[in-house]
Amino acid sequence: MAVRYTRACIESLGYELAPVVVTSAELEDRLAPVYRDLHLQQGQLEALTGIEERRWWEPGQSVADGASLAARKAVESAGVDPATIDAVVYAGVCRENFEPATACKVADAVGASPSAAVYDVSNACLGVMNGVIDLANRIELGQIRRGLVVACETAREINEVMIQKMLKNPDMEFFKRALTTLTGGSAAAAVLVGETNGGPPRRRILGGVQRSDPRWHALCRWGLEKDGLGNVVQFMNTDSVSVLKYGVELGVKTWRAFLEKAGWAREQVDRIICHQVGLGHQESIRRALGISPERDFETFRFLGNMGTVSLPLTAALAEEQGHLRPGHRVGLLGIGSGLNCLMIAVEW
């Protein structure tokens, strides 16, 4: 997939941070028996991932309610009437129910147009990126004038499950596979996508490029399974070494196609905003793409890996802190399990 746009822009970004700060040291305190049995020193989690802390929602938090908070902020920031929103897309990995679409609850809370298209999309950590492309396509085709893509992720529940499993099974191989789970963070984000309306647009979406390598679909899995008692519980299994290796390879291929499609030389990319995983991933992808740290912006150290929320929330914070400025050529770089990669060019 490679597309160009002439009519679509990001009107605003909104986000909501989860309230409970959880440090890596706190998680390791809970895993003290495992560390003792495996002869591990405290501090391994932060040393291996670069993550000092992440956030969790309070127990029982509705992801639709979290997404609605971020959505309202995006609408208020843009100063638009929510009744002019012609599509609401919920793109989180975590959702309320199998049905109806979580987007329905968000659309109701925001007050979207009664004729709006309301639906969910799911593609691991690329969900919001896919939602932005979907809405830009609809705008380009003249189907809608404005759309909202939202997501809310919660890491508390899967972390609690995996901590208990690690305590029951203090095995080094299981520890390695479970470690990535402990990087998870919680938050919500919203992206309001609209028409440029012929004026000098902010955050103009120029186009996007996607590449995939589904041979590696089993490297990172999060879902439901039955435990020994027949209870249905969450599980997560990640081969982090292979995800990094093959994810970076796919990222390099996508990056080359992205630069060609955008008509940019690497040196002309003023800023990049990456999906936030951890220190190893961030450094590896920058090195592979030839991007200096000064052109990047990190949030993983204090927010962890927030799934679909990571990239849009990082972009919002980068703008708030003056790292993204009007006129910047910005590459939004998403790599997700599957493996899938999507990069979007934005003239900020």
Protein backbone atom coordinates (compact mmCIF):
# COMPACT_ATOMS: atom_id res chain seq x y z
CA MET A 1 0.00 0.00 0.00
CA ALA A 2 1.24 3.47 -0.92
CA VAL A 3 -1.10 6.47 -0.94
CA ARG A 4 -0.93 10.26 -1.41
CA TYR A 5 -3.34 12.81 0.00
CA THR A 6 -4.24 16.38 -0.89
CA ARG A 7 -7.22 17.08 1.38
CA ALA A 8 -6.57 15.46 4.78
CA CYS A 9 -4.91 16.83 7.91
CA ILE A 10 -4.67 16.10 11.62
CA GLU A 11 -6.86 18.78 13.18
CA SER A 12 -5.94 17.95 16.76
CA LEU A 13 -4.61 15.35 19.18
CA GLY A 14 -6.01 14.46 22.58
CA TYR A 15 -4.84 12.13 25.32
CA GLU A 16 -5.53 10.93 28.83
CA LEU A 17 -2.82 9.49 31.07
CA ALA A 18 -3.76 6.68 33.44
CA PRO A 19 -3.49 7.84 37.07
CA VAL A 20 -1.57 5.02 38.80
CA VAL A 21 2.22 5.26 38.43
CA VAL A 22 3.94 1.86 38.69
CA THR A 23 7.74 1.78 38.79
CA SER A 24 9.89 -1.05 37.50
CA ALA A 25 11.28 -1.36 41.03
CA GLU A 26 7.75 -2.00 42.36
CA LEU A 27 7.17 -4.79 39.86
CA GLU A 28 10.52 -6.35 40.76
CA ASP A 29 9.62 -6.21 44.46
CA ARG A 30 6.57 -8.32 43.66
CA LEU A 31 8.78 -10.73 41.72
CA ALA A 32 11.42 -11.00 44.48
CA PRO A 33 10.96 -14.80 44.89
CA VAL A 34 11.49 -15.28 41.14
CA TYR A 35 14.60 -13.12 41.16
CA ARG A 36 15.93 -15.10 44.11
CA ASP A 37 15.29 -18.49 42.48
CA LEU A 38 16.83 -17.37 39.16
CA HIS A 39 19.75 -15.57 40.86
CA LEU A 40 18.84 -12.25 39.24
CA GLN A 41 19.78 -8.86 40.65
CA GLN A 42 17.20 -6.16 41.22
CA GLY A 43 17.21 -3.53 38.47
CA GLN A 44 17.17 -5.96 35.55
CA LEU A 45 13.81 -4.78 34.24
CA GLU A 46 14.86 -1.16 33.89
CA ALA A 47 18.34 -2.08 32.67
CA LEU A 48 17.01 -4.32 29.90
CA THR A 49 14.12 -2.11 28.75
CA GLY A 50 15.04 1.44 29.75
CA ILE A 51 11.61 1.79 31.35
CA GLU A 52 11.61 3.41 34.78
CA GLU A 53 7.84 3.52 35.23
CA ARG A 54 4.56 3.06 33.46
CA ARG A 55 0.93 3.84 34.32
CA TRP A 56 -2.11 1.72 35.07
CA TRP A 57 -5.79 2.59 35.21
CA GLU A 58 -7.66 2.03 38.43
CA PRO A 59 -9.20 -1.47 38.63
CA GLY A 60 -12.35 -1.81 36.54
CA GLN A 61 -11.69 1.24 34.35
CA SER A 62 -13.75 1.15 31.15
CA VAL A 63 -11.55 1.51 28.06
CA ALA A 64 -14.44 3.24 26.27
CA ASP A 65 -14.62 5.81 29.06
CA GLY A 66 -10.86 6.37 28.86
CA ALA A 67 -11.06 6.77 25.09
CA SER A 68 -13.98 9.20 25.50
CA LEU A 69 -11.90 11.43 27.77
CA ALA A 70 -9.16 11.67 25.14
CA ALA A 71 -11.75 12.15 22.38
CA ARG A 72 -13.39 15.10 24.14
CA LYS A 73 -10.00 16.75 24.58
CA ALA A 74 -9.25 16.38 20.87
CA VAL A 75 -12.61 17.89 19.93
CA GLU A 76 -12.25 20.75 22.40
CA SER A 77 -8.70 21.47 21.24
CA ALA A 78 -9.87 21.76 17.64
CA GLY A 79 -12.80 23.95 18.64
CA VAL A 80 -15.26 22.07 16.45
CA ASP A 81 -18.86 20.98 16.92
CA PRO A 82 -18.84 17.23 17.68
CA ALA A 83 -21.98 16.87 15.57
CA THR A 84 -19.75 17.51 12.53
CA ILE A 85 -17.82 14.27 13.17
CA ASP A 86 -18.81 11.93 10.34
CA ALA A 87 -16.92 8.83 11.52
CA VAL A 88 -15.74 7.43 14.85
CA VAL A 89 -13.18 4.62 14.78
CA TYR A 90 -12.06 2.77 17.90
CA ALA A 91 -8.67 1.20 17.23
CA GLY A 92 -7.38 -0.17 20.54
CA VAL A 93 -6.23 -3.72 21.19
CA CYS A 94 -8.27 -3.61 24.41
CA ARG A 95 -12.01 -3.23 23.88
CA GLU A 96 -15.21 -3.33 25.90
CA ASN A 97 -16.89 -6.44 24.50
CA PHE A 98 -16.90 -8.68 21.45
CA GLU A 99 -19.93 -6.60 20.42
CA PRO A 100 -21.10 -3.95 19.97
CA ALA A 101 -18.20 -1.92 18.62
CA THR A 102 -16.48 0.01 21.42
CA ALA A 103 -16.66 3.00 19.09
CA CYS A 104 -20.43 3.13 19.70
CA LYS A 105 -19.99 4.09 23.35
CA VAL A 106 -17.36 6.68 22.43
CA ALA A 107 -19.53 8.19 19.67
CA ASP A 108 -22.40 8.52 22.14
CA ALA A 109 -20.18 10.13 24.77
CA VAL A 110 -18.70 12.62 22.30
CA GLY A 111 -21.94 13.46 20.52
CA ALA A 112 -20.95 12.54 16.98
CA SER A 113 -23.27 13.05 14.01
CA PRO A 114 -26.20 10.58 13.94
CA SER A 115 -25.21 9.76 10.37
CA ALA A 116 -21.61 8.97 11.36
CA ALA A 117 -19.92 5.69 10.46
CA VAL A 118 -19.08 4.06 13.81
CA TYR A 119 -16.88 0.96 13.97
CA ASP A 120 -13.79 -0.72 15.43
CA VAL A 121 -10.55 -1.72 13.71
CA SER A 122 -7.87 -3.96 15.17
CA ASN A 123 -4.27 -4.44 14.09
CA ALA A 124 -2.11 -4.80 17.20
CA CYS A 125 -0.07 -1.63 17.83
CA LEU A 126 -0.88 -0.18 14.38
CA GLY A 127 -4.60 0.27 15.05
CA VAL A 128 -4.63 4.07 15.38
CA MET A 129 -2.32 4.46 12.38
CA ASN A 130 -4.69 2.30 10.32
CA GLY A 131 -7.61 4.38 11.56
CA VAL A 132 -5.93 7.61 10.45
CA ILE A 133 -5.34 6.16 6.96
CA ASP A 134 -8.94 4.94 6.77
CA LEU A 135 -10.31 8.38 7.67
CA ALA A 136 -7.91 10.15 5.30
CA ASN A 137 -9.09 7.85 2.51
CA ARG A 138 -12.72 8.71 3.26
CA ILE A 139 -11.94 12.43 3.26
CA GLU A 140 -10.03 12.16 0.00
CA LEU A 141 -12.99 10.36 -1.59
CA GLY A 142 -15.41 13.02 -0.37
CA GLN A 143 -17.30 10.57 1.84
CA ILE A 144 -16.73 12.50 5.08
CA ARG A 145 -15.38 15.88 6.15
CA ARG A 146 -14.14 14.96 9.60
CA GLY A 147 -13.48 11.75 11.55
CA LEU A 148 -12.17 10.71 14.95
CA VAL A 149 -9.94 7.71 15.68
CA VAL A 150 -9.55 6.78 19.35
CA ALA A 151 -7.94 4.08 21.47
CA CYS A 152 -7.49 3.19 25.12
CA GLU A 153 -5.12 0.50 26.36
CA THR A 154 -4.93 -1.10 29.78
CA ALA A 155 -1.90 -3.10 30.93
CA ARG A 156 -2.91 -3.72 34.55
CA GLU A 157 -4.87 -6.91 33.96
CA ILE A 158 -2.36 -8.75 31.75
CA ASN A 159 0.48 -7.68 34.05
CA GLU A 160 -1.31 -9.06 37.10
CA VAL A 161 -1.89 -12.36 35.28
CA MET A 162 1.71 -12.65 34.10
CA ILE A 163 3.16 -11.76 37.50
CA GLN A 164 1.18 -14.59 39.08
CA LYS A 165 2.33 -16.99 36.36
CA MET A 166 5.96 -15.97 36.86
CA LEU A 167 5.66 -16.51 40.61
CA LYS A 168 4.24 -20.01 40.03
CA ASN A 169 6.80 -20.84 37.36
CA PRO A 170 10.21 -19.34 38.21
CA ASP A 171 11.83 -20.52 34.99
CA MET A 172 14.42 -18.48 33.05
CA GLU A 173 12.93 -19.20 29.62
CA PHE A 174 9.46 -18.21 30.80
CA PHE A 175 10.93 -15.11 32.46
CA LYS A 176 12.47 -14.03 29.13
CA ARG A 177 9.17 -14.51 27.26
CA ALA A 178 7.17 -12.74 29.97
CA LEU A 179 9.51 -9.78 30.41
CA THR A 180 8.02 -7.82 27.50
CA THR A 181 4.61 -7.92 29.17
CA LEU A 182 6.01 -5.91 32.08
CA THR A 183 6.81 -3.00 29.74
CA GLY A 184 3.10 -2.39 29.11
CA GLY A 185 1.56 0.95 30.02
CA SER A 186 -1.97 2.35 30.06
CA ALA A 187 -3.39 5.51 28.49
CA ALA A 188 -5.86 6.81 25.91
CA ALA A 189 -5.41 8.92 22.79
CA ALA A 190 -7.52 10.47 20.04
CA VAL A 191 -6.70 11.86 16.61
CA LEU A 192 -9.17 14.19 14.88
CA VAL A 193 -8.70 13.96 11.10
CA GLY A 194 -10.34 16.55 8.87
CA GLU A 195 -10.31 18.42 5.58
CA THR A 196 -7.66 21.04 4.87
CA ASN A 197 -10.39 23.40 3.55
CA GLY A 198 -8.04 25.16 1.17
CA GLY A 199 -6.34 27.29 3.83
CA PRO A 200 -2.83 26.90 5.21
CA PRO A 201 -3.32 23.56 6.98
CA ARG A 202 -1.62 22.36 10.11
CA ARG A 203 -0.38 18.77 10.26
CA ARG A 204 -1.14 18.03 6.61
CA ILE A 205 -1.19 14.30 5.87
CA LEU A 206 0.87 13.78 2.72
CA GLY A 207 0.70 10.01 2.35
CA GLY A 208 1.57 6.64 3.76
CA VAL A 209 3.36 3.39 2.97
CA GLN A 210 2.70 -0.06 4.41
CA ARG A 211 4.71 -3.28 4.30
CA SER A 212 4.04 -6.62 6.01
CA ASP A 213 5.82 -9.90 6.72
CA PRO A 214 3.15 -12.24 8.09
CA ARG A 215 5.59 -15.16 8.28
CA TRP A 216 6.29 -13.85 11.79
CA HIS A 217 2.67 -13.69 12.99
CA ALA A 218 3.37 -16.03 15.94
CA LEU A 219 6.22 -14.02 17.48
CA CYS A 220 3.99 -11.89 19.71
CA ARG A 221 0.55 -13.10 20.82
CA TRP A 222 -1.93 -11.73 23.35
CA GLY A 223 -5.24 -13.44 23.88
CA LEU A 224 -7.28 -15.86 25.98
CA GLU A 225 -6.54 -19.42 27.06
CA LYS A 226 -7.81 -21.96 29.59
CA ASP A 227 -5.80 -22.58 32.72
CA GLY A 228 -5.47 -25.98 34.43
CA LEU A 229 -8.82 -25.50 36.15
CA GLY A 230 -10.70 -24.69 32.95
CA ASN A 231 -10.90 -20.97 33.68
CA VAL A 232 -10.43 -18.56 30.77
CA VAL A 233 -7.54 -16.19 31.46
CA GLN A 234 -5.41 -13.76 29.48
CA PHE A 235 -1.99 -14.76 28.21
CA MET A 236 0.86 -12.99 26.42
CA ASN A 237 3.83 -14.65 24.77
CA THR A 238 6.58 -12.63 23.07
CA ASP A 239 9.84 -13.64 21.42
CA SER A 240 11.32 -10.19 21.94
CA VAL A 241 14.67 -10.96 20.29
CA SER A 242 13.02 -12.13 17.05
CA VAL A 243 10.44 -9.34 17.09
CA LEU A 244 13.27 -6.82 17.27
CA LYS A 245 15.35 -8.50 14.57
CA TYR A 246 12.62 -9.01 11.99
CA GLY A 247 10.74 -5.85 12.96
CA VAL A 248 13.80 -3.71 12.24
CA GLU A 249 14.34 -5.52 8.94
CA LEU A 250 10.76 -4.77 7.93
CA GLY A 251 11.11 -1.20 9.17
CA VAL A 252 14.12 -0.59 6.94
CA LYS A 253 12.23 -1.86 3.86
CA THR A 254 9.25 0.33 4.70
CA TRP A 255 11.45 3.36 5.39
CA ARG A 256 13.01 3.17 1.94
CA ALA A 257 9.59 3.00 0.29
CA PHE A 258 8.34 5.77 2.59
CA LEU A 259 11.10 8.20 1.59
CA GLU A 260 10.51 7.48 -2.09
CA LYS A 261 6.76 7.99 -1.79
CA ALA A 262 7.09 11.18 0.25
CA GLY A 263 9.77 12.52 -2.09
CA TRP A 264 12.05 13.18 0.87
CA ALA A 265 15.72 12.48 1.39
CA ARG A 266 16.56 11.05 4.80
CA GLU A 267 18.20 14.35 5.79
CA GLN A 268 14.98 16.23 4.99
CA VAL A 269 12.99 14.38 7.67
CA ASP A 270 13.00 16.87 10.51
CA ARG A 271 11.40 14.63 13.13
CA ILE A 272 10.27 11.06 13.61
CA ILE A 273 7.70 9.76 16.08
CA CYS A 274 8.02 6.01 16.64
CA HIS A 275 5.86 3.43 18.32
CA GLN A 276 7.31 3.21 21.84
CA VAL A 277 8.55 -0.23 22.93
CA GLY A 278 11.74 0.23 24.92
CA LEU A 279 15.36 1.30 24.78
CA GLY A 280 16.66 -1.55 22.61
CA HIS A 281 13.97 -1.12 19.97
CA GLN A 282 14.30 2.67 19.88
CA GLU A 283 18.06 2.65 19.48
CA SER A 284 18.01 -0.18 16.94
CA ILE A 285 15.44 1.42 14.65
CA ARG A 286 17.14 4.82 14.77
CA ARG A 287 20.49 3.26 13.95
CA ALA A 288 19.03 1.18 11.10
CA LEU A 289 17.26 4.19 9.57
CA GLY A 290 20.18 6.56 10.07
CA ILE A 291 18.22 8.95 12.31
CA SER A 292 19.99 10.92 15.05
CA PRO A 293 18.47 10.89 18.56
CA GLU A 294 17.90 14.67 18.32
CA ARG A 295 15.24 14.10 15.66
CA ASP A 296 13.41 11.52 17.77
CA PHE A 297 11.16 11.92 20.83
CA GLU A 298 10.86 9.28 23.56
CA THR A 299 8.11 8.56 26.09
CA PHE A 300 8.74 4.88 26.89
CA ARG A 301 11.00 5.64 29.87
CA PHE A 302 8.07 6.99 31.92
CA LEU A 303 5.00 5.65 30.08
CA GLY A 304 6.12 2.22 28.82
CA ASN A 305 4.63 0.56 25.75
CA MET A 306 1.03 1.80 25.48
CA GLY A 307 0.19 -0.24 22.39
CA THR A 308 -1.92 1.67 19.87
CA VAL A 309 -1.83 4.76 22.09
CA SER A 310 1.99 5.04 22.16
CA LEU A 311 2.55 6.82 18.86
CA PRO A 312 -0.29 9.42 18.92
CA LEU A 313 0.29 10.23 22.58
CA THR A 314 4.02 10.62 21.98
CA ALA A 315 3.26 12.97 19.06
CA ALA A 316 0.93 15.02 21.29
CA LEU A 317 3.57 15.38 24.00
CA ALA A 318 6.25 16.19 21.42
CA GLU A 319 4.07 19.02 20.10
CA GLU A 320 3.29 20.32 23.59
CA GLN A 321 7.00 20.45 24.41
CA GLY A 322 7.93 22.23 21.17
CA HIS A 323 9.73 19.29 19.59
CA LEU A 324 7.23 19.26 16.70
CA ARG A 325 6.84 22.69 15.14
CA PRO A 326 4.92 24.12 12.16
CA GLY A 327 6.60 23.24 8.88
CA HIS A 328 8.46 20.22 10.18
CA ARG A 329 8.54 17.17 7.92
CA VAL A 330 7.48 14.42 10.29
CA GLY A 331 7.54 10.67 9.84
CA LEU A 332 5.07 8.70 11.98
CA LEU A 333 6.67 5.25 12.14
CA GLY A 334 4.57 2.33 13.30
CA ILE A 335 5.77 -1.28 13.61
CA GLY A 336 3.43 -3.87 15.08
CA SER A 337 3.24 -7.59 15.70
CA GLY A 338 2.09 -9.61 12.77
CA LEU A 339 4.52 -8.31 11.47
CA ASN A 340 3.10 -5.08 10.00
CA CYS A 341 4.70 -1.71 9.39
CA LEU A 342 3.00 1.57 8.45
CA MET A 343 4.66 4.95 8.03
CA ILE A 344 2.79 8.22 7.47
CA ALA A 345 4.31 11.49 6.21
CA VAL A 346 2.94 14.64 7.85
CA GLU A 347 3.87 18.26 7.18
CA TRP A 348 3.40 19.64 10.68
